[in-house]
Amino acid sequence: MQFKRLRDGDRYFFERRDYRYPWIGLSKAQLREVKRVRMSDIFCLNTSIERLQRNVFLQPDTGTRFSRNSLEYCNTRFGVNLNFWRDRFHS
């Protein structure tokens, strides 16, 4: 309950939308892009790490063919598509 109140009262919380003022908050496309990016993507884009597991909060799987959190090469990752942040009102 405390987190909900803190989140709902924060006018800069990234999921908040105020439909009276469409320039405040993220568009649907921007929000979708933010939610698509994983912490491992951020690490790969901003460090010299070459391989990293998908979920950095769990140990990587080893030895199984169908592992869900195995190490992946960072150069196969996609970055954030910043085209969604082009100015919506002054194209």
PDB file of N, CA and C in Angstrom:
ATOM      1  N   MET A   1       0.826  -1.180   0.000  1.00  0.00           N
ATOM      2  CA  MET A   1       0.000   0.000   0.000  1.00  0.00           C
ATOM      3  C   MET A   1       0.875   1.249   0.000  1.00  0.00           C
ATOM      4  N   GLN A   2       1.956   1.202   0.779  1.00  0.00           N
ATOM      5  CA  GLN A   2       2.845   2.360   0.841  1.00  0.00           C
ATOM      6  C   GLN A   2       3.498   2.623  -0.519  1.00  0.00           C
ATOM      7  N   PHE A   3       3.958   1.559  -1.201  1.00  0.00           N
ATOM      8  CA  PHE A   3       4.562   1.745  -2.516  1.00  0.00           C
ATOM      9  C   PHE A   3       3.542   2.291  -3.515  1.00  0.00           C
ATOM     10  N   LYS A   4       2.316   1.778  -3.466  1.00  0.00           N
ATOM     11  CA  LYS A   4       1.273   2.258  -4.376  1.00  0.00           C
ATOM     12  C   LYS A   4       1.032   3.748  -4.184  1.00  0.00           C
ATOM     13  N   ARG A   5       0.967   4.191  -2.958  1.00  0.00           N
ATOM     14  CA  ARG A   5       0.749   5.620  -2.695  1.00  0.00           C
ATOM     15  C   ARG A   5       1.944   6.458  -3.144  1.00  0.00           C
ATOM     16  N   LEU A   6       3.130   5.940  -2.910  1.00  0.00           N
ATOM     17  CA  LEU A   6       4.327   6.653  -3.338  1.00  0.00           C
ATOM     18  C   LEU A   6       4.375   6.759  -4.867  1.00  0.00           C
ATOM     19  N   ARG A   7       4.094   5.652  -5.531  1.00  0.00           N
ATOM     20  CA  ARG A   7       4.080   5.622  -6.994  1.00  0.00           C
ATOM     21  C   ARG A   7       3.011   6.538  -7.555  1.00  0.00           C
ATOM     22  N   ASP A   8       1.806   6.431  -7.047  1.00  0.00           N
ATOM     23  CA  ASP A   8       0.686   7.220  -7.570  1.00  0.00           C
ATOM     24  C   ASP A   8       0.849   8.708  -7.303  1.00  0.00           C
ATOM     25  N   GLY A   9       1.570   9.061  -6.251  1.00  0.00           N
ATOM     26  CA  GLY A   9       1.777  10.461  -5.935  1.00  0.00           C
ATOM     27  C   GLY A   9       2.974  11.081  -6.632  1.00  0.00           C
ATOM     28  N   ASP A  10       3.775  10.265  -7.298  1.00  0.00           N
ATOM     29  CA  ASP A  10       4.973  10.766  -7.969  1.00  0.00           C
ATOM     30  C   ASP A  10       4.626  11.164  -9.397  1.00  0.00           C
ATOM     31  N   ARG A  11       4.625  12.446  -9.673  1.00  0.00           N
ATOM     32  CA  ARG A  11       4.238  12.893 -11.017  1.00  0.00           C
ATOM     33  C   ARG A  11       5.274  12.541 -12.065  1.00  0.00           C
ATOM     34  N   TYR A  12       6.467  12.126 -11.661  1.00  0.00           N
ATOM     35  CA  TYR A  12       7.513  11.745 -12.615  1.00  0.00           C
ATOM     36  C   TYR A  12       7.663  10.233 -12.757  1.00  0.00           C
ATOM     37  N   PHE A  13       6.811   9.445 -12.114  1.00  0.00           N
ATOM     38  CA  PHE A  13       6.888   7.989 -12.248  1.00  0.00           C
ATOM     39  C   PHE A  13       6.659   7.627 -13.709  1.00  0.00           C
ATOM     40  N   PHE A  14       7.489   6.730 -14.259  1.00  0.00           N
ATOM     41  CA  PHE A  14       7.514   6.521 -15.700  1.00  0.00           C
ATOM     42  C   PHE A  14       6.219   5.955 -16.274  1.00  0.00           C
ATOM     43  N   GLU A  15       5.387   5.294 -15.491  1.00  0.00           N
ATOM     44  CA  GLU A  15       4.132   4.747 -16.013  1.00  0.00           C
ATOM     45  C   GLU A  15       2.957   5.702 -15.865  1.00  0.00           C
ATOM     46  N   ARG A  16       3.170   6.803 -15.224  1.00  0.00           N
ATOM     47  CA  ARG A  16       2.068   7.731 -14.978  1.00  0.00           C
ATOM     48  C   ARG A  16       1.701   8.501 -16.237  1.00  0.00           C
ATOM     49  N   ARG A  17       0.425   8.628 -16.492  1.00  0.00           N
ATOM     50  CA  ARG A  17      -0.081   9.407 -17.629  1.00  0.00           C
ATOM     51  C   ARG A  17      -1.120  10.380 -17.111  1.00  0.00           C
ATOM     52  N   ASP A  18      -1.049  11.594 -17.595  1.00  0.00           N
ATOM     53  CA  ASP A  18      -2.062  12.596 -17.285  1.00  0.00           C
ATOM     54  C   ASP A  18      -2.667  13.010 -18.620  1.00  0.00           C
ATOM     55  N   TYR A  19      -3.851  12.526 -18.907  1.00  0.00           N
ATOM     56  CA  TYR A  19      -4.461  12.726 -20.221  1.00  0.00           C
ATOM     57  C   TYR A  19      -4.898  14.170 -20.455  1.00  0.00           C
ATOM     58  N   ARG A  20      -4.940  14.976 -19.405  1.00  0.00           N
ATOM     59  CA  ARG A  20      -5.234  16.397 -19.590  1.00  0.00           C
ATOM     60  C   ARG A  20      -4.043  17.104 -20.218  1.00  0.00           C
ATOM     61  N   TYR A  21      -2.830  16.554 -19.965  1.00  0.00           N
ATOM     62  CA  TYR A  21      -1.592  17.142 -20.474  1.00  0.00           C
ATOM     63  C   TYR A  21      -0.813  16.059 -21.214  1.00  0.00           C
ATOM     64  N   PRO A  22      -1.057  15.871 -22.505  1.00  0.00           N
ATOM     65  CA  PRO A  22      -0.462  14.745 -23.238  1.00  0.00           C
ATOM     66  C   PRO A  22       1.056  14.806 -23.362  1.00  0.00           C
ATOM     67  N   TRP A  23       1.670  15.933 -23.109  1.00  0.00           N
ATOM     68  CA  TRP A  23       3.122  16.030 -23.196  1.00  0.00           C
ATOM     69  C   TRP A  23       3.811  15.520 -21.932  1.00  0.00           C
ATOM     70  N   ILE A  24       3.040  15.232 -20.891  1.00  0.00           N
ATOM     71  CA  ILE A  24       3.602  14.701 -19.647  1.00  0.00           C
ATOM     72  C   ILE A  24       3.559  13.177 -19.697  1.00  0.00           C
ATOM     73  N   GLY A  25       4.642  12.555 -19.332  1.00  0.00           N
ATOM     74  CA  GLY A  25       4.698  11.097 -19.288  1.00  0.00           C
ATOM     75  C   GLY A  25       5.142  10.501 -20.610  1.00  0.00           C
ATOM     76  N   LEU A  26       5.231   9.195 -20.640  1.00  0.00           N
ATOM     77  CA  LEU A  26       5.669   8.473 -21.824  1.00  0.00           C
ATOM     78  C   LEU A  26       4.484   8.101 -22.698  1.00  0.00           C
ATOM     79  N   SER A  27       4.708   8.064 -23.998  1.00  0.00           N
ATOM     80  CA  SER A  27       3.672   7.571 -24.906  1.00  0.00           C
ATOM     81  C   SER A  27       3.579   6.051 -24.750  1.00  0.00           C
ATOM     82  N   LYS A  28       2.583   5.441 -25.353  1.00  0.00           N
ATOM     83  CA  LYS A  28       2.437   3.983 -25.273  1.00  0.00           C
ATOM     84  C   LYS A  28       3.638   3.285 -25.898  1.00  0.00           C
ATOM     85  N   ALA A  29       4.120   3.805 -27.021  1.00  0.00           N
ATOM     86  CA  ALA A  29       5.278   3.204 -27.695  1.00  0.00           C
ATOM     87  C   ALA A  29       6.534   3.340 -26.831  1.00  0.00           C
ATOM     88  N   GLN A  30       6.726   4.493 -26.207  1.00  0.00           N
ATOM     89  CA  GLN A  30       7.878   4.687 -25.331  1.00  0.00           C
ATOM     90  C   GLN A  30       7.820   3.755 -24.132  1.00  0.00           C
ATOM     91  N   LEU A  31       6.667   3.639 -23.531  1.00  0.00           N
ATOM     92  CA  LEU A  31       6.503   2.757 -22.375  1.00  0.00           C
ATOM     93  C   LEU A  31       6.770   1.303 -22.754  1.00  0.00           C
ATOM     94  N   ARG A  32       6.290   0.895 -23.913  1.00  0.00           N
ATOM     95  CA  ARG A  32       6.526  -0.465 -24.397  1.00  0.00           C
ATOM     96  C   ARG A  32       8.029  -0.699 -24.597  1.00  0.00           C
ATOM     97  N   GLU A  33       8.730   0.298 -25.134  1.00  0.00           N
ATOM     98  CA  GLU A  33      10.169   0.172 -25.357  1.00  0.00           C
ATOM     99  C   GLU A  33      10.930   0.096 -24.033  1.00  0.00           C
ATOM    100  N   VAL A  34      10.556   0.897 -23.054  1.00  0.00           N
ATOM    101  CA  VAL A  34      11.204   0.869 -21.742  1.00  0.00           C
ATOM    102  C   VAL A  34      11.013  -0.495 -21.092  1.00  0.00           C
ATOM    103  N   LYS A  35       9.832  -1.064 -21.193  1.00  0.00           N
ATOM    104  CA  LYS A  35       9.554  -2.359 -20.563  1.00  0.00           C
ATOM    105  C   LYS A  35      10.233  -3.512 -21.292  1.00  0.00           C
ATOM    106  N   ARG A  36      10.602  -3.314 -22.554  1.00  0.00           N
ATOM    107  CA  ARG A  36      11.251  -4.357 -23.350  1.00  0.00           C
ATOM    108  C   ARG A  36      12.718  -4.541 -22.951  1.00  0.00           C
ATOM    109  N   VAL A  37      13.355  -3.504 -22.502  1.00  0.00           N
ATOM    110  CA  VAL A  37      14.780  -3.539 -22.190  1.00  0.00           C
ATOM    111  C   VAL A  37      15.010  -4.223 -20.846  1.00  0.00           C
ATOM    112  N   ARG A  38      15.988  -5.134 -20.820  1.00  0.00           N
ATOM    113  CA  ARG A  38      16.325  -5.852 -19.597  1.00  0.00           C
ATOM    114  C   ARG A  38      17.571  -5.240 -18.965  1.00  0.00           C
ATOM    115  N   MET A  39      17.793  -5.522 -17.714  1.00  0.00           N
ATOM    116  CA  MET A  39      18.975  -5.040 -17.015  1.00  0.00           C
ATOM    117  C   MET A  39      20.240  -5.551 -17.702  1.00  0.00           C
ATOM    118  N   SER A  40      20.202  -6.765 -18.211  1.00  0.00           N
ATOM    119  CA  SER A  40      21.374  -7.304 -18.910  1.00  0.00           C
ATOM    120  C   SER A  40      21.665  -6.505 -20.175  1.00  0.00           C
ATOM    121  N   ASP A  41      20.644  -6.005 -20.850  1.00  0.00           N
ATOM    122  CA  ASP A  41      20.854  -5.154 -22.022  1.00  0.00           C
ATOM    123  C   ASP A  41      21.582  -3.873 -21.636  1.00  0.00           C
ATOM    124  N   ILE A  42      21.203  -3.294 -20.524  1.00  0.00           N
ATOM    125  CA  ILE A  42      21.843  -2.065 -20.056  1.00  0.00           C
ATOM    126  C   ILE A  42      23.309  -2.327 -19.712  1.00  0.00           C
ATOM    127  N   PHE A  43      23.584  -3.447 -19.045  1.00  0.00           N
ATOM    128  CA  PHE A  43      24.967  -3.791 -18.723  1.00  0.00           C
ATOM    129  C   PHE A  43      25.786  -3.992 -19.994  1.00  0.00           C
ATOM    130  N   CYS A  44      25.223  -4.702 -20.956  1.00  0.00           N
ATOM    131  CA  CYS A  44      25.951  -4.966 -22.203  1.00  0.00           C
ATOM    132  C   CYS A  44      26.232  -3.680 -22.976  1.00  0.00           C
ATOM    133  N   LEU A  45      25.292  -2.786 -22.995  1.00  0.00           N
ATOM    134  CA  LEU A  45      25.460  -1.547 -23.754  1.00  0.00           C
ATOM    135  C   LEU A  45      26.430  -0.570 -23.099  1.00  0.00           C
ATOM    136  N   ASN A  46      26.612  -0.672 -21.793  1.00  0.00           N
ATOM    137  CA  ASN A  46      27.377   0.342 -21.076  1.00  0.00           C
ATOM    138  C   ASN A  46      28.667  -0.161 -20.436  1.00  0.00           C
ATOM    139  N   THR A  47      29.023  -1.399 -20.695  1.00  0.00           N
ATOM    140  CA  THR A  47      30.273  -1.937 -20.147  1.00  0.00           C
ATOM    141  C   THR A  47      31.006  -2.699 -21.248  1.00  0.00           C
ATOM    142  N   SER A  48      32.145  -3.237 -20.911  1.00  0.00           N
ATOM    143  CA  SER A  48      32.907  -4.028 -21.882  1.00  0.00           C
ATOM    144  C   SER A  48      32.669  -5.528 -21.698  1.00  0.00           C
ATOM    145  N   ILE A  49      31.613  -5.891 -20.999  1.00  0.00           N
ATOM    146  CA  ILE A  49      31.262  -7.304 -20.810  1.00  0.00           C
ATOM    147  C   ILE A  49      30.945  -7.922 -22.172  1.00  0.00           C
ATOM    148  N   GLU A  50      31.432  -9.124 -22.413  1.00  0.00           N
ATOM    149  CA  GLU A  50      31.192  -9.783 -23.694  1.00  0.00           C
ATOM    150  C   GLU A  50      30.031 -10.767 -23.644  1.00  0.00           C
ATOM    151  N   ARG A  51      29.850 -11.442 -22.520  1.00  0.00           N
ATOM    152  CA  ARG A  51      28.768 -12.421 -22.385  1.00  0.00           C
ATOM    153  C   ARG A  51      28.074 -12.208 -21.055  1.00  0.00           C
ATOM    154  N   LEU A  52      26.756 -12.397 -21.066  1.00  0.00           N
ATOM    155  CA  LEU A  52      25.967 -12.185 -19.860  1.00  0.00           C
ATOM    156  C   LEU A  52      24.672 -12.984 -19.977  1.00  0.00           C
ATOM    157  N   GLN A  53      24.173 -13.465 -18.855  1.00  0.00           N
ATOM    158  CA  GLN A  53      22.907 -14.184 -18.866  1.00  0.00           C
ATOM    159  C   GLN A  53      21.738 -13.205 -19.013  1.00  0.00           C
ATOM    160  N   ARG A  54      20.595 -13.700 -19.494  1.00  0.00           N
ATOM    161  CA  ARG A  54      19.419 -12.855 -19.709  1.00  0.00           C
ATOM    162  C   ARG A  54      18.967 -12.171 -18.420  1.00  0.00           C
ATOM    163  N   ASN A  55      18.835 -12.941 -17.367  1.00  0.00           N
ATOM    164  CA  ASN A  55      18.405 -12.399 -16.086  1.00  0.00           C
ATOM    165  C   ASN A  55      19.629 -12.280 -15.191  1.00  0.00           C
ATOM    166  N   VAL A  56      20.118 -11.068 -15.013  1.00  0.00           N
ATOM    167  CA  VAL A  56      21.358 -10.870 -14.254  1.00  0.00           C
ATOM    168  C   VAL A  56      21.175 -11.106 -12.762  1.00  0.00           C
ATOM    169  N   PHE A  57      19.945 -11.219 -12.306  1.00  0.00           N
ATOM    170  CA  PHE A  57      19.682 -11.442 -10.890  1.00  0.00           C
ATOM    171  C   PHE A  57      19.716 -12.923 -10.519  1.00  0.00           C
ATOM    172  N   LEU A  58      19.841 -13.794 -11.523  1.00  0.00           N
ATOM    173  CA  LEU A  58      19.941 -15.236 -11.296  1.00  0.00           C
ATOM    174  C   LEU A  58      21.245 -15.747 -11.885  1.00  0.00           C
ATOM    175  N   GLN A  59      21.783 -16.820 -11.296  1.00  0.00           N
ATOM    176  CA  GLN A  59      22.995 -17.410 -11.840  1.00  0.00           C
ATOM    177  C   GLN A  59      22.710 -17.989 -13.209  1.00  0.00           C
ATOM    178  N   PRO A  60      23.692 -17.938 -14.111  1.00  0.00           N
ATOM    179  CA  PRO A  60      23.462 -18.514 -15.442  1.00  0.00           C
ATOM    180  C   PRO A  60      23.346 -20.037 -15.384  1.00  0.00           C
ATOM    181  N   ASP A  61      22.514 -20.588 -16.258  1.00  0.00           N
ATOM    182  CA  ASP A  61      22.381 -22.036 -16.380  1.00  0.00           C
ATOM    183  C   ASP A  61      23.604 -22.566 -17.115  1.00  0.00           C
ATOM    184  N   THR A  62      24.025 -23.745 -16.747  1.00  0.00           N
ATOM    185  CA  THR A  62      25.146 -24.368 -17.446  1.00  0.00           C
ATOM    186  C   THR A  62      24.839 -25.827 -17.693  1.00  0.00           C
ATOM    187  N   GLY A  63      25.314 -26.321 -18.813  1.00  0.00           N
ATOM    188  CA  GLY A  63      25.271 -27.746 -19.082  1.00  0.00           C
ATOM    189  C   GLY A  63      23.976 -28.287 -19.659  1.00  0.00           C
ATOM    190  N   THR A  64      22.945 -27.498 -19.777  1.00  0.00           N
ATOM    191  CA  THR A  64      21.706 -28.016 -20.351  1.00  0.00           C
ATOM    192  C   THR A  64      21.451 -27.357 -21.695  1.00  0.00           C
ATOM    193  N   ARG A  65      20.902 -28.114 -22.583  1.00  0.00           N
ATOM    194  CA  ARG A  65      20.635 -27.605 -23.932  1.00  0.00           C
ATOM    195  C   ARG A  65      19.469 -26.636 -23.955  1.00  0.00           C
ATOM    196  N   PHE A  66      18.530 -26.810 -23.068  1.00  0.00           N
ATOM    197  CA  PHE A  66      17.321 -25.988 -23.072  1.00  0.00           C
ATOM    198  C   PHE A  66      17.299 -25.015 -21.896  1.00  0.00           C
ATOM    199  N   SER A  67      18.454 -24.491 -21.534  1.00  0.00           N
ATOM    200  CA  SER A  67      18.505 -23.581 -20.401  1.00  0.00           C
ATOM    201  C   SER A  67      17.831 -22.255 -20.744  1.00  0.00           C
ATOM    202  N   ARG A  68      17.234 -21.647 -19.735  1.00  0.00           N
ATOM    203  CA  ARG A  68      16.494 -20.404 -19.941  1.00  0.00           C
ATOM    204  C   ARG A  68      17.318 -19.180 -19.555  1.00  0.00           C
ATOM    205  N   ASN A  69      18.425 -19.390 -18.861  1.00  0.00           N
ATOM    206  CA  ASN A  69      19.218 -18.261 -18.402  1.00  0.00           C
ATOM    207  C   ASN A  69      20.698 -18.499 -18.698  1.00  0.00           C
ATOM    208  N   SER A  70      20.976 -18.975 -19.899  1.00  0.00           N
ATOM    209  CA  SER A  70      22.359 -19.262 -20.258  1.00  0.00           C
ATOM    210  C   SER A  70      23.075 -17.983 -20.684  1.00  0.00           C
ATOM    211  N   LEU A  71      24.383 -18.042 -20.717  1.00  0.00           N
ATOM    212  CA  LEU A  71      25.175 -16.887 -21.144  1.00  0.00           C
ATOM    213  C   LEU A  71      24.947 -16.621 -22.625  1.00  0.00           C
ATOM    214  N   GLU A  72      24.815 -15.349 -22.976  1.00  0.00           N
ATOM    215  CA  GLU A  72      24.627 -14.934 -24.364  1.00  0.00           C
ATOM    216  C   GLU A  72      25.659 -13.873 -24.689  1.00  0.00           C
ATOM    217  N   TYR A  73      26.028 -13.784 -25.942  1.00  0.00           N
ATOM    218  CA  TYR A  73      26.956 -12.744 -26.370  1.00  0.00           C
ATOM    219  C   TYR A  73      26.240 -11.400 -26.420  1.00  0.00           C
ATOM    220  N   CYS A  74      26.911 -10.394 -25.908  1.00  0.00           N
ATOM    221  CA  CYS A  74      26.312  -9.055 -25.860  1.00  0.00           C
ATOM    222  C   CYS A  74      26.119  -8.457 -27.246  1.00  0.00           C
ATOM    223  N   ASN A  75      26.928  -8.840 -28.219  1.00  0.00           N
ATOM    224  CA  ASN A  75      26.782  -8.244 -29.546  1.00  0.00           C
ATOM    225  C   ASN A  75      25.535  -8.726 -30.284  1.00  0.00           C
ATOM    226  N   THR A  76      24.802  -9.667 -29.701  1.00  0.00           N
ATOM    227  CA  THR A  76      23.541 -10.104 -30.309  1.00  0.00           C
ATOM    228  C   THR A  76      22.349  -9.339 -29.732  1.00  0.00           C
ATOM    229  N   ARG A  77      22.600  -8.454 -28.793  1.00  0.00           N
ATOM    230  CA  ARG A  77      21.530  -7.689 -28.140  1.00  0.00           C
ATOM    231  C   ARG A  77      21.168  -6.474 -28.970  1.00  0.00           C
ATOM    232  N   PHE A  78      19.953  -6.036 -28.794  1.00  0.00           N
ATOM    233  CA  PHE A  78      19.503  -4.816 -29.444  1.00  0.00           C
ATOM    234  C   PHE A  78      19.466  -3.709 -28.407  1.00  0.00           C
ATOM    235  N   GLY A  79      19.788  -2.524 -28.819  1.00  0.00           N
ATOM    236  CA  GLY A  79      19.742  -1.391 -27.910  1.00  0.00           C
ATOM    237  C   GLY A  79      18.340  -0.831 -27.810  1.00  0.00           C
ATOM    238  N   VAL A  80      18.244   0.287 -27.178  1.00  0.00           N
ATOM    239  CA  VAL A  80      16.974   0.986 -27.034  1.00  0.00           C
ATOM    240  C   VAL A  80      16.708   1.746 -28.319  1.00  0.00           C
ATOM    241  N   ASN A  81      15.512   1.637 -28.843  1.00  0.00           N
ATOM    242  CA  ASN A  81      15.132   2.368 -30.046  1.00  0.00           C
ATOM    243  C   ASN A  81      14.739   3.786 -29.639  1.00  0.00           C
ATOM    244  N   LEU A  82      15.649   4.721 -29.818  1.00  0.00           N
ATOM    245  CA  LEU A  82      15.410   6.097 -29.393  1.00  0.00           C
ATOM    246  C   LEU A  82      14.511   6.877 -30.350  1.00  0.00           C
ATOM    247  N   ASN A  83      14.117   6.269 -31.449  1.00  0.00           N
ATOM    248  CA  ASN A  83      13.198   6.953 -32.361  1.00  0.00           C
ATOM    249  C   ASN A  83      11.860   7.261 -31.700  1.00  0.00           C
ATOM    250  N   PHE A  84      11.513   6.506 -30.679  1.00  0.00           N
ATOM    251  CA  PHE A  84      10.252   6.749 -29.976  1.00  0.00           C
ATOM    252  C   PHE A  84      10.300   8.034 -29.152  1.00  0.00           C
ATOM    253  N   TRP A  85      11.509   8.573 -28.953  1.00  0.00           N
ATOM    254  CA  TRP A  85      11.659   9.791 -28.171  1.00  0.00           C
ATOM    255  C   TRP A  85      11.849  11.037 -29.033  1.00  0.00           C
ATOM    256  N   ARG A  86      11.681  10.903 -30.342  1.00  0.00           N
ATOM    257  CA  ARG A  86      11.729  12.095 -31.176  1.00  0.00           C
ATOM    258  C   ARG A  86      10.570  12.987 -30.807  1.00  0.00           C
ATOM    259  N   ASP A  87      10.779  14.233 -30.942  1.00  0.00           N
ATOM    260  CA  ASP A  87       9.763  15.204 -30.520  1.00  0.00           C
ATOM    261  C   ASP A  87       8.439  14.943 -31.223  1.00  0.00           C
ATOM    262  N   ARG A  88       7.412  14.678 -30.439  1.00  0.00           N
ATOM    263  CA  ARG A  88       6.095  14.357 -30.984  1.00  0.00           C
ATOM    264  C   ARG A  88       5.389  15.568 -31.567  1.00  0.00           C
ATOM    265  N   PHE A  89       5.738  16.745 -31.100  1.00  0.00           N
ATOM    266  CA  PHE A  89       4.960  17.926 -31.482  1.00  0.00           C
ATOM    267  C   PHE A  89       5.680  18.827 -32.478  1.00  0.00           C
ATOM    268  N   HIS A  90       6.966  18.605 -32.720  1.00  0.00           N
ATOM    269  CA  HIS A  90       7.727  19.441 -33.635  1.00  0.00           C
ATOM    270  C   HIS A  90       8.454  18.592 -34.659  1.00  0.00           C
ATOM    271  N   SER A  91       7.760  17.721 -35.323  1.00  0.00           N
ATOM    272  CA  SER A  91       8.380  16.788 -36.272  1.00  0.00           C
ATOM    273  C   SER A  91       8.946  17.496 -37.472  1.00  0.00           C
TER     274      SER A  91
END
